[in-house]
C-alpha cells in the first residue's frame, strides 16, 4: 500500500495492490469472471465504508486467472500417482495447490495438466530457495515413467 509523501501529511492519493487466490468454488461462474464479481461486491460496500468518497475509488484488475485444477480421478493424475508409488514405495499426497503455475495456461487450452516436481513449498520464492539433488533425481524417475506410460516409449 502506498499513500502520501510523509507520514504526517494527509495523502492526496492512496494505492493498494492485492494478490489474491480465488477459491475453486468460483471457477464455474457462468455470467461474470470471478474478479468482475468480486469487484462488484467490493463496490457495493464502499459507500457504506467511505460514504461520498467512495465515488473516487478506482479498482483495476492487473492480471486474472480463473480458478482451475485437474480432478484427482483424472487419468493423468492416476498415471503420475502410480509412478510416484513405484519410485517412492508409497502413494503420493494429491492436493490442490493455491499457488499460481503455468499449468493454468495449459488447462485453459484443454490440455490435461498436473503440477509435480521437487522442492519444499515453504521455500518457494524465498531468497535461499533450493532443491535437493536426491529430490531432483526422484522427480526425474517419476516424470520419465509417466511420459513412458503415456507415450509407450522407453525412458
N, C-alpha and C. Protein backbone atom coordinates (compact mmCIF):
# COMPACT_ATOMS: atom_id res chain seq x y z
N UNK A 1 0.85 -1.16 0.00
CA UNK A 1 0.00 0.00 0.00
C UNK A 1 0.90 1.23 0.00
N UNK A 2 0.56 2.20 -0.81
CA UNK A 2 1.31 3.46 -0.87
C UNK A 2 0.34 4.61 -0.72
N UNK A 3 0.77 5.66 -0.01
CA UNK A 3 -0.07 6.84 0.12
C UNK A 3 0.68 7.99 0.73
N UNK A 4 0.69 9.11 0.04
CA UNK A 4 1.29 10.33 0.57
C UNK A 4 2.80 10.37 0.46
N UNK A 5 3.35 11.53 0.81
CA UNK A 5 4.79 11.73 0.71
C UNK A 5 5.48 11.61 2.07
N UNK A 6 4.75 11.86 3.16
CA UNK A 6 5.30 11.77 4.50
C UNK A 6 4.23 11.23 5.44
N UNK A 7 4.65 10.66 6.53
CA UNK A 7 3.73 10.05 7.46
C UNK A 7 2.81 11.07 8.13
N UNK A 8 3.24 12.34 8.23
CA UNK A 8 2.43 13.35 8.91
C UNK A 8 1.68 14.27 7.96
N UNK A 9 1.58 13.89 6.68
CA UNK A 9 0.86 14.68 5.69
C UNK A 9 -0.31 13.86 5.16
N UNK A 10 -1.49 14.47 5.13
CA UNK A 10 -2.66 13.78 4.60
C UNK A 10 -2.42 13.54 3.11
N UNK A 11 -2.47 12.28 2.69
CA UNK A 11 -2.14 11.98 1.28
C UNK A 11 -3.25 12.41 0.32
N UNK A 12 -2.83 12.80 -0.89
CA UNK A 12 -3.81 13.13 -1.92
C UNK A 12 -4.24 11.87 -2.68
N UNK A 13 -3.50 10.79 -2.47
CA UNK A 13 -3.75 9.56 -3.21
C UNK A 13 -3.29 8.38 -2.37
N UNK A 14 -4.01 7.29 -2.46
CA UNK A 14 -3.59 6.05 -1.81
C UNK A 14 -3.79 4.92 -2.81
N UNK A 15 -2.78 4.06 -2.93
CA UNK A 15 -2.86 2.91 -3.84
C UNK A 15 -2.60 1.64 -3.05
N UNK A 16 -3.33 0.59 -3.40
CA UNK A 16 -3.11 -0.71 -2.77
C UNK A 16 -3.13 -1.77 -3.87
N UNK A 17 -2.19 -2.68 -3.81
CA UNK A 17 -2.18 -3.83 -4.71
C UNK A 17 -2.44 -5.07 -3.87
N UNK A 18 -3.34 -5.92 -4.36
CA UNK A 18 -3.71 -7.12 -3.63
C UNK A 18 -3.49 -8.32 -4.53
N UNK A 19 -2.73 -9.29 -4.05
CA UNK A 19 -2.54 -10.55 -4.76
C UNK A 19 -3.43 -11.55 -4.04
N UNK A 20 -4.45 -12.02 -4.73
CA UNK A 20 -5.37 -12.91 -4.06
C UNK A 20 -5.66 -14.12 -4.93
N UNK A 21 -5.83 -15.25 -4.30
CA UNK A 21 -6.13 -16.50 -4.99
C UNK A 21 -7.59 -16.83 -4.72
N UNK A 22 -8.34 -16.98 -5.80
CA UNK A 22 -9.77 -17.22 -5.66
C UNK A 22 -10.04 -18.71 -5.46
N UNK A 23 -11.02 -19.05 -4.63
CA UNK A 23 -11.32 -20.46 -4.37
C UNK A 23 -11.93 -21.15 -5.58
N UNK A 24 -11.76 -22.45 -5.64
CA UNK A 24 -12.28 -23.24 -6.75
C UNK A 24 -13.79 -23.11 -6.90
N UNK A 25 -14.48 -22.77 -5.83
CA UNK A 25 -15.93 -22.63 -5.91
C UNK A 25 -16.34 -21.51 -6.87
N UNK A 26 -15.43 -20.62 -7.21
CA UNK A 26 -15.73 -19.55 -8.16
C UNK A 26 -15.32 -19.89 -9.59
N UNK A 27 -14.85 -21.10 -9.80
CA UNK A 27 -14.31 -21.48 -11.11
C UNK A 27 -15.34 -21.48 -12.23
N UNK A 28 -16.57 -21.83 -11.93
CA UNK A 28 -17.56 -22.02 -13.00
C UNK A 28 -18.68 -20.98 -12.96
N UNK A 29 -18.34 -19.75 -12.69
CA UNK A 29 -19.35 -18.70 -12.69
C UNK A 29 -19.73 -18.41 -14.14
N UNK A 30 -20.97 -18.66 -14.52
CA UNK A 30 -21.33 -18.53 -15.94
C UNK A 30 -21.40 -17.11 -16.46
N UNK A 31 -21.81 -16.14 -15.66
CA UNK A 31 -22.05 -14.80 -16.15
C UNK A 31 -20.80 -13.93 -16.15
N UNK A 32 -20.15 -13.82 -15.03
CA UNK A 32 -19.03 -12.92 -14.85
C UNK A 32 -17.75 -13.68 -14.56
N UNK A 33 -16.63 -13.03 -14.81
CA UNK A 33 -15.39 -13.61 -14.31
C UNK A 33 -15.39 -13.45 -12.80
N UNK A 34 -14.69 -14.31 -12.07
CA UNK A 34 -14.66 -14.17 -10.61
C UNK A 34 -14.17 -12.79 -10.16
N UNK A 35 -13.19 -12.22 -10.86
CA UNK A 35 -12.69 -10.89 -10.46
C UNK A 35 -13.76 -9.82 -10.67
N UNK A 36 -14.50 -9.89 -11.77
CA UNK A 36 -15.57 -8.91 -12.00
C UNK A 36 -16.63 -9.02 -10.91
N UNK A 37 -16.97 -10.24 -10.55
CA UNK A 37 -17.95 -10.44 -9.48
C UNK A 37 -17.44 -9.84 -8.17
N UNK A 38 -16.18 -10.13 -7.84
CA UNK A 38 -15.60 -9.64 -6.59
C UNK A 38 -15.54 -8.11 -6.57
N UNK A 39 -15.19 -7.50 -7.70
CA UNK A 39 -15.15 -6.04 -7.77
C UNK A 39 -16.55 -5.46 -7.53
N UNK A 40 -17.56 -6.09 -8.10
CA UNK A 40 -18.94 -5.65 -7.85
C UNK A 40 -19.30 -5.72 -6.39
N UNK A 41 -18.88 -6.78 -5.73
CA UNK A 41 -19.15 -6.92 -4.29
C UNK A 41 -18.45 -5.82 -3.50
N UNK A 42 -17.20 -5.56 -3.83
CA UNK A 42 -16.43 -4.53 -3.12
C UNK A 42 -17.08 -3.16 -3.33
N UNK A 43 -17.44 -2.86 -4.58
CA UNK A 43 -18.04 -1.56 -4.87
C UNK A 43 -19.37 -1.37 -4.16
N UNK A 44 -20.11 -2.44 -3.90
CA UNK A 44 -21.38 -2.30 -3.20
C UNK A 44 -21.18 -1.94 -1.73
N UNK A 45 -20.02 -2.26 -1.16
CA UNK A 45 -19.74 -1.94 0.24
C UNK A 45 -19.01 -0.61 0.42
N UNK A 46 -18.38 -0.10 -0.61
CA UNK A 46 -17.61 1.14 -0.47
C UNK A 46 -18.43 2.32 0.04
N UNK A 47 -19.65 2.55 -0.47
CA UNK A 47 -20.42 3.69 0.08
C UNK A 47 -20.70 3.56 1.57
N UNK A 48 -20.86 2.34 2.04
CA UNK A 48 -21.11 2.12 3.46
C UNK A 48 -19.88 2.50 4.28
N UNK A 49 -18.72 2.17 3.76
CA UNK A 49 -17.47 2.39 4.49
C UNK A 49 -16.94 3.80 4.28
N UNK A 50 -17.00 4.30 3.04
CA UNK A 50 -16.37 5.58 2.72
C UNK A 50 -17.34 6.73 2.48
N UNK A 51 -18.61 6.44 2.38
CA UNK A 51 -19.58 7.49 2.10
C UNK A 51 -19.36 8.10 0.73
N UNK A 52 -19.44 9.43 0.63
CA UNK A 52 -19.30 10.12 -0.65
C UNK A 52 -17.93 9.88 -1.29
N UNK A 53 -16.93 9.66 -0.48
CA UNK A 53 -15.57 9.45 -1.01
C UNK A 53 -15.47 8.18 -1.86
N UNK A 54 -16.45 7.29 -1.73
CA UNK A 54 -16.39 6.03 -2.48
C UNK A 54 -16.41 6.27 -3.99
N UNK A 55 -16.96 7.40 -4.43
CA UNK A 55 -17.02 7.67 -5.88
C UNK A 55 -15.65 7.94 -6.48
N UNK A 56 -14.67 8.23 -5.66
CA UNK A 56 -13.32 8.49 -6.19
C UNK A 56 -12.45 7.24 -6.21
N UNK A 57 -12.98 6.11 -5.77
CA UNK A 57 -12.21 4.87 -5.73
C UNK A 57 -12.24 4.20 -7.10
N UNK A 58 -11.06 3.84 -7.58
CA UNK A 58 -10.94 3.10 -8.83
C UNK A 58 -10.38 1.72 -8.52
N UNK A 59 -10.93 0.71 -9.17
CA UNK A 59 -10.43 -0.66 -8.99
C UNK A 59 -10.06 -1.18 -10.37
N UNK A 60 -8.84 -1.68 -10.48
CA UNK A 60 -8.33 -2.19 -11.76
C UNK A 60 -7.77 -3.60 -11.55
N UNK A 61 -8.14 -4.52 -12.41
CA UNK A 61 -7.58 -5.86 -12.37
C UNK A 61 -6.31 -5.83 -13.21
N UNK A 62 -5.18 -6.16 -12.60
CA UNK A 62 -3.90 -6.16 -13.29
C UNK A 62 -3.70 -7.48 -14.04
N UNK A 63 -4.08 -8.56 -13.41
CA UNK A 63 -3.91 -9.89 -14.01
C UNK A 63 -5.00 -10.78 -13.41
N UNK A 64 -5.57 -11.63 -14.24
CA UNK A 64 -6.63 -12.50 -13.76
C UNK A 64 -6.46 -13.90 -14.34
N UNK A 65 -6.71 -14.86 -13.52
CA UNK A 65 -6.71 -16.26 -13.95
C UNK A 65 -7.86 -16.95 -13.24
N UNK A 66 -8.72 -17.58 -14.01
CA UNK A 66 -9.83 -18.31 -13.38
C UNK A 66 -9.28 -19.44 -12.51
N UNK A 67 -9.91 -19.68 -11.37
CA UNK A 67 -9.50 -20.84 -10.57
C UNK A 67 -9.61 -22.10 -11.42
N UNK A 68 -8.62 -22.98 -11.33
CA UNK A 68 -8.61 -24.18 -12.15
C UNK A 68 -7.85 -25.29 -11.46
N UNK A 69 -8.17 -26.52 -11.84
CA UNK A 69 -7.45 -27.67 -11.31
C UNK A 69 -7.74 -28.87 -12.19
N UNK A 70 -6.95 -29.91 -11.99
CA UNK A 70 -7.18 -31.18 -12.67
C UNK A 70 -7.80 -32.12 -11.64
N UNK A 71 -8.95 -32.73 -11.94
CA UNK A 71 -9.60 -33.61 -10.95
C UNK A 71 -8.67 -34.76 -10.52
N UNK A 72 -8.66 -35.09 -9.23
CA UNK A 72 -7.80 -36.15 -8.72
C UNK A 72 -8.04 -37.51 -9.36
N UNK A 73 -9.23 -37.73 -9.93
CA UNK A 73 -9.51 -39.03 -10.55
C UNK A 73 -9.23 -39.01 -12.06
N UNK A 74 -8.55 -37.98 -12.55
CA UNK A 74 -8.24 -37.93 -13.98
C UNK A 74 -7.17 -38.98 -14.31
N UNK A 75 -7.16 -39.48 -15.54
CA UNK A 75 -6.16 -40.48 -15.92
C UNK A 75 -4.72 -39.99 -15.71
N UNK A 76 -4.46 -38.71 -15.98
CA UNK A 76 -3.10 -38.20 -15.81
C UNK A 76 -2.66 -38.25 -14.35
N UNK A 77 -3.55 -37.87 -13.44
CA UNK A 77 -3.22 -37.92 -12.02
C UNK A 77 -3.00 -39.37 -11.60
N UNK A 78 -3.81 -40.27 -12.09
CA UNK A 78 -3.67 -41.69 -11.73
C UNK A 78 -2.35 -42.27 -12.23
N UNK A 79 -1.95 -41.93 -13.46
CA UNK A 79 -0.69 -42.43 -14.01
C UNK A 79 0.49 -41.86 -13.24
N UNK A 80 0.47 -40.56 -12.98
CA UNK A 80 1.55 -39.94 -12.21
C UNK A 80 1.62 -40.52 -10.81
N UNK A 81 0.47 -40.69 -10.17
CA UNK A 81 0.43 -41.26 -8.81
C UNK A 81 1.01 -42.66 -8.78
N UNK A 82 0.68 -43.45 -9.79
CA UNK A 82 1.22 -44.81 -9.88
C UNK A 82 2.75 -44.77 -9.96
N UNK A 83 3.29 -43.83 -10.73
CA UNK A 83 4.74 -43.71 -10.85
C UNK A 83 5.39 -43.20 -9.58
N UNK A 84 4.72 -42.30 -8.86
CA UNK A 84 5.24 -41.84 -7.57
C UNK A 84 5.31 -43.04 -6.62
N UNK A 85 4.25 -43.83 -6.58
CA UNK A 85 4.22 -45.01 -5.71
C UNK A 85 5.34 -45.99 -6.06
N UNK A 86 5.55 -46.18 -7.36
CA UNK A 86 6.59 -47.09 -7.83
C UNK A 86 7.97 -46.62 -7.39
N UNK A 87 8.25 -45.33 -7.52
CA UNK A 87 9.58 -44.80 -7.21
C UNK A 87 9.79 -44.63 -5.71
N UNK A 88 8.79 -44.12 -5.00
CA UNK A 88 8.94 -43.84 -3.56
C UNK A 88 8.51 -44.99 -2.66
N UNK A 89 7.73 -45.93 -3.20
CA UNK A 89 7.25 -47.03 -2.38
C UNK A 89 6.07 -46.65 -1.50
N UNK A 90 5.45 -45.53 -1.78
CA UNK A 90 4.26 -45.09 -1.04
C UNK A 90 3.43 -44.19 -1.95
N UNK A 91 2.12 -44.13 -1.70
CA UNK A 91 1.28 -43.28 -2.55
C UNK A 91 1.59 -41.79 -2.31
N UNK A 92 1.38 -40.98 -3.31
CA UNK A 92 1.63 -39.54 -3.15
C UNK A 92 0.50 -38.87 -2.37
N UNK A 93 0.78 -37.68 -1.89
CA UNK A 93 -0.25 -36.83 -1.30
C UNK A 93 -0.78 -35.96 -2.43
N UNK A 94 -1.95 -36.27 -2.94
CA UNK A 94 -2.55 -35.49 -4.02
C UNK A 94 -3.32 -34.34 -3.38
N UNK A 95 -3.05 -33.12 -3.84
CA UNK A 95 -3.73 -31.97 -3.25
C UNK A 95 -3.87 -30.87 -4.28
N UNK A 96 -4.80 -29.98 -4.02
CA UNK A 96 -4.99 -28.79 -4.85
C UNK A 96 -4.11 -27.70 -4.24
N UNK A 97 -3.27 -27.11 -5.05
CA UNK A 97 -2.34 -26.07 -4.59
C UNK A 97 -2.93 -24.70 -4.90
N UNK A 98 -2.73 -23.76 -3.99
CA UNK A 98 -3.30 -22.43 -4.19
C UNK A 98 -2.38 -21.49 -4.97
N UNK A 99 -1.15 -21.86 -5.16
CA UNK A 99 -0.23 -21.00 -5.90
C UNK A 99 -0.54 -20.98 -7.39
N UNK A 100 -0.07 -19.95 -8.05
CA UNK A 100 -0.27 -19.85 -9.50
C UNK A 100 0.87 -20.57 -10.21
N UNK A 101 0.53 -21.34 -11.23
CA UNK A 101 1.54 -22.02 -12.04
C UNK A 101 1.19 -21.83 -13.51
N UNK A 102 2.13 -22.20 -14.37
CA UNK A 102 1.86 -22.14 -15.81
C UNK A 102 0.85 -23.20 -16.23
N UNK A 103 0.54 -24.14 -15.33
CA UNK A 103 -0.48 -25.14 -15.63
C UNK A 103 -1.81 -24.52 -16.00
N UNK A 104 -2.09 -23.34 -15.50
CA UNK A 104 -3.36 -22.67 -15.80
C UNK A 104 -3.50 -22.37 -17.29
N UNK A 105 -2.39 -22.04 -17.95
CA UNK A 105 -2.44 -21.74 -19.38
C UNK A 105 -2.73 -23.01 -20.18
N UNK A 106 -2.15 -24.13 -19.76
CA UNK A 106 -2.39 -25.40 -20.45
C UNK A 106 -3.82 -25.86 -20.24
N UNK A 107 -4.30 -25.77 -19.00
CA UNK A 107 -5.68 -26.17 -18.72
C UNK A 107 -6.67 -25.32 -19.52
N UNK A 108 -6.36 -24.03 -19.67
CA UNK A 108 -7.25 -23.15 -20.44
C UNK A 108 -7.34 -23.59 -21.90
N UNK A 109 -6.32 -24.28 -22.38
CA UNK A 109 -6.33 -24.81 -23.75
C UNK A 109 -6.90 -26.22 -23.82
N UNK A 110 -7.35 -26.74 -22.68
CA UNK A 110 -7.92 -28.09 -22.65
C UNK A 110 -6.89 -29.19 -22.54
N UNK A 111 -5.66 -28.86 -22.19
CA UNK A 111 -4.59 -29.85 -22.07
C UNK A 111 -4.55 -30.36 -20.63
N UNK A 112 -4.73 -31.67 -20.43
CA UNK A 112 -4.66 -32.22 -19.06
C UNK A 112 -3.30 -31.87 -18.44
N UNK A 113 -3.32 -31.38 -17.23
CA UNK A 113 -2.10 -30.85 -16.61
C UNK A 113 -2.03 -31.21 -15.14
N UNK A 114 -0.85 -31.65 -14.73
CA UNK A 114 -0.57 -31.88 -13.32
C UNK A 114 0.73 -31.16 -13.01
N UNK A 115 0.75 -30.47 -11.89
CA UNK A 115 1.98 -29.79 -11.47
C UNK A 115 2.67 -30.72 -10.47
N UNK A 116 3.86 -31.15 -10.84
CA UNK A 116 4.62 -32.08 -10.00
C UNK A 116 6.10 -31.76 -10.13
N UNK A 117 6.81 -31.87 -9.05
CA UNK A 117 8.26 -31.67 -9.12
C UNK A 117 8.86 -31.53 -7.74
N UNK A 118 10.18 -31.41 -7.71
CA UNK A 118 10.87 -31.32 -6.44
C UNK A 118 10.77 -29.93 -5.82
N UNK A 119 11.08 -29.87 -4.55
CA UNK A 119 11.13 -28.58 -3.86
C UNK A 119 10.29 -28.58 -2.61
N UNK A 120 10.65 -27.72 -1.71
CA UNK A 120 9.92 -27.54 -0.46
C UNK A 120 8.99 -26.36 -0.60
N UNK A 121 7.67 -26.55 -0.47
CA UNK A 121 6.74 -25.43 -0.61
C UNK A 121 7.06 -24.25 0.31
N UNK A 122 7.59 -24.53 1.48
CA UNK A 122 7.91 -23.44 2.42
C UNK A 122 9.08 -22.58 1.93
N UNK A 123 9.83 -23.07 0.95
CA UNK A 123 10.96 -22.30 0.40
C UNK A 123 10.61 -21.56 -0.89
N UNK A 124 9.40 -21.78 -1.40
CA UNK A 124 9.03 -21.15 -2.67
C UNK A 124 9.17 -19.63 -2.59
N UNK A 125 9.87 -19.07 -3.54
CA UNK A 125 10.11 -17.62 -3.66
C UNK A 125 10.99 -17.05 -2.55
N UNK A 126 11.59 -17.90 -1.74
CA UNK A 126 12.50 -17.42 -0.70
C UNK A 126 13.84 -17.05 -1.34
N UNK A 127 14.57 -16.16 -0.70
CA UNK A 127 15.85 -15.74 -1.26
C UNK A 127 16.85 -16.89 -1.32
N UNK A 128 16.66 -17.90 -0.48
CA UNK A 128 17.57 -19.05 -0.46
C UNK A 128 16.87 -20.33 -0.95
N UNK A 129 15.95 -20.20 -1.87
CA UNK A 129 15.22 -21.36 -2.39
C UNK A 129 16.21 -22.34 -3.03
N UNK A 130 16.01 -23.61 -2.79
CA UNK A 130 16.89 -24.63 -3.36
C UNK A 130 16.12 -25.93 -3.52
N UNK A 131 16.71 -26.85 -4.28
CA UNK A 131 16.15 -28.19 -4.49
C UNK A 131 17.26 -29.19 -4.19
N UNK A 132 16.96 -30.21 -3.41
CA UNK A 132 17.94 -31.26 -3.12
C UNK A 132 18.15 -32.12 -4.37
N UNK A 133 19.38 -32.51 -4.61
CA UNK A 133 19.71 -33.32 -5.79
C UNK A 133 18.95 -34.64 -5.75
N UNK A 134 18.85 -35.26 -4.57
CA UNK A 134 18.11 -36.52 -4.46
C UNK A 134 16.65 -36.34 -4.87
N UNK A 135 16.04 -35.22 -4.47
CA UNK A 135 14.65 -34.94 -4.84
C UNK A 135 14.52 -34.72 -6.35
N UNK A 136 15.51 -34.10 -6.93
CA UNK A 136 15.52 -33.88 -8.38
C UNK A 136 15.59 -35.22 -9.11
N UNK A 137 16.41 -36.14 -8.62
CA UNK A 137 16.53 -37.46 -9.25
C UNK A 137 15.24 -38.27 -9.11
N UNK A 138 14.59 -38.19 -7.96
CA UNK A 138 13.31 -38.87 -7.76
C UNK A 138 12.28 -38.32 -8.74
N UNK A 139 12.21 -37.01 -8.85
CA UNK A 139 11.25 -36.39 -9.77
C UNK A 139 11.52 -36.81 -11.21
N UNK A 140 12.79 -36.88 -11.57
CA UNK A 140 13.15 -37.31 -12.93
C UNK A 140 12.60 -38.71 -13.18
N UNK A 141 12.81 -39.63 -12.25
CA UNK A 141 12.34 -41.01 -12.42
C UNK A 141 10.81 -41.06 -12.54
N UNK A 142 10.13 -40.30 -11.71
CA UNK A 142 8.66 -40.28 -11.75
C UNK A 142 8.18 -39.71 -13.08
N UNK A 143 8.74 -38.61 -13.52
CA UNK A 143 8.31 -37.98 -14.76
C UNK A 143 8.66 -38.85 -15.96
N UNK A 144 9.85 -39.45 -15.95
CA UNK A 144 10.24 -40.34 -17.05
C UNK A 144 9.29 -41.54 -17.14
N UNK A 145 8.93 -42.12 -16.01
CA UNK A 145 7.98 -43.24 -16.01
C UNK A 145 6.61 -42.82 -16.50
N UNK A 146 6.17 -41.62 -16.12
CA UNK A 146 4.87 -41.11 -16.54
C UNK A 146 4.85 -40.86 -18.04
N UNK A 147 5.89 -40.23 -18.57
CA UNK A 147 5.98 -40.00 -20.01
C UNK A 147 6.02 -41.32 -20.75
N UNK A 148 6.74 -42.29 -20.23
CA UNK A 148 6.80 -43.62 -20.85
C UNK A 148 5.42 -44.27 -20.89
N UNK A 149 4.70 -44.19 -19.78
CA UNK A 149 3.35 -44.77 -19.73
C UNK A 149 2.39 -44.07 -20.70
N UNK A 150 2.54 -42.77 -20.84
CA UNK A 150 1.65 -42.01 -21.71
C UNK A 150 1.95 -42.21 -23.19
N UNK A 151 3.22 -42.39 -23.51
CA UNK A 151 3.63 -42.45 -24.92
C UNK A 151 3.95 -43.86 -25.41
N UNK A 152 4.21 -44.77 -24.48
CA UNK A 152 4.63 -46.11 -24.87
C UNK A 152 6.11 -46.19 -25.21
N UNK A 153 6.82 -45.08 -25.06
CA UNK A 153 8.26 -45.06 -25.32
C UNK A 153 9.04 -45.38 -24.06
N UNK A 154 10.20 -46.00 -24.21
CA UNK A 154 11.04 -46.32 -23.06
C UNK A 154 11.72 -45.06 -22.56
N UNK A 155 11.89 -44.96 -21.22
CA UNK A 155 12.60 -43.78 -20.68
C UNK A 155 14.08 -43.82 -20.99
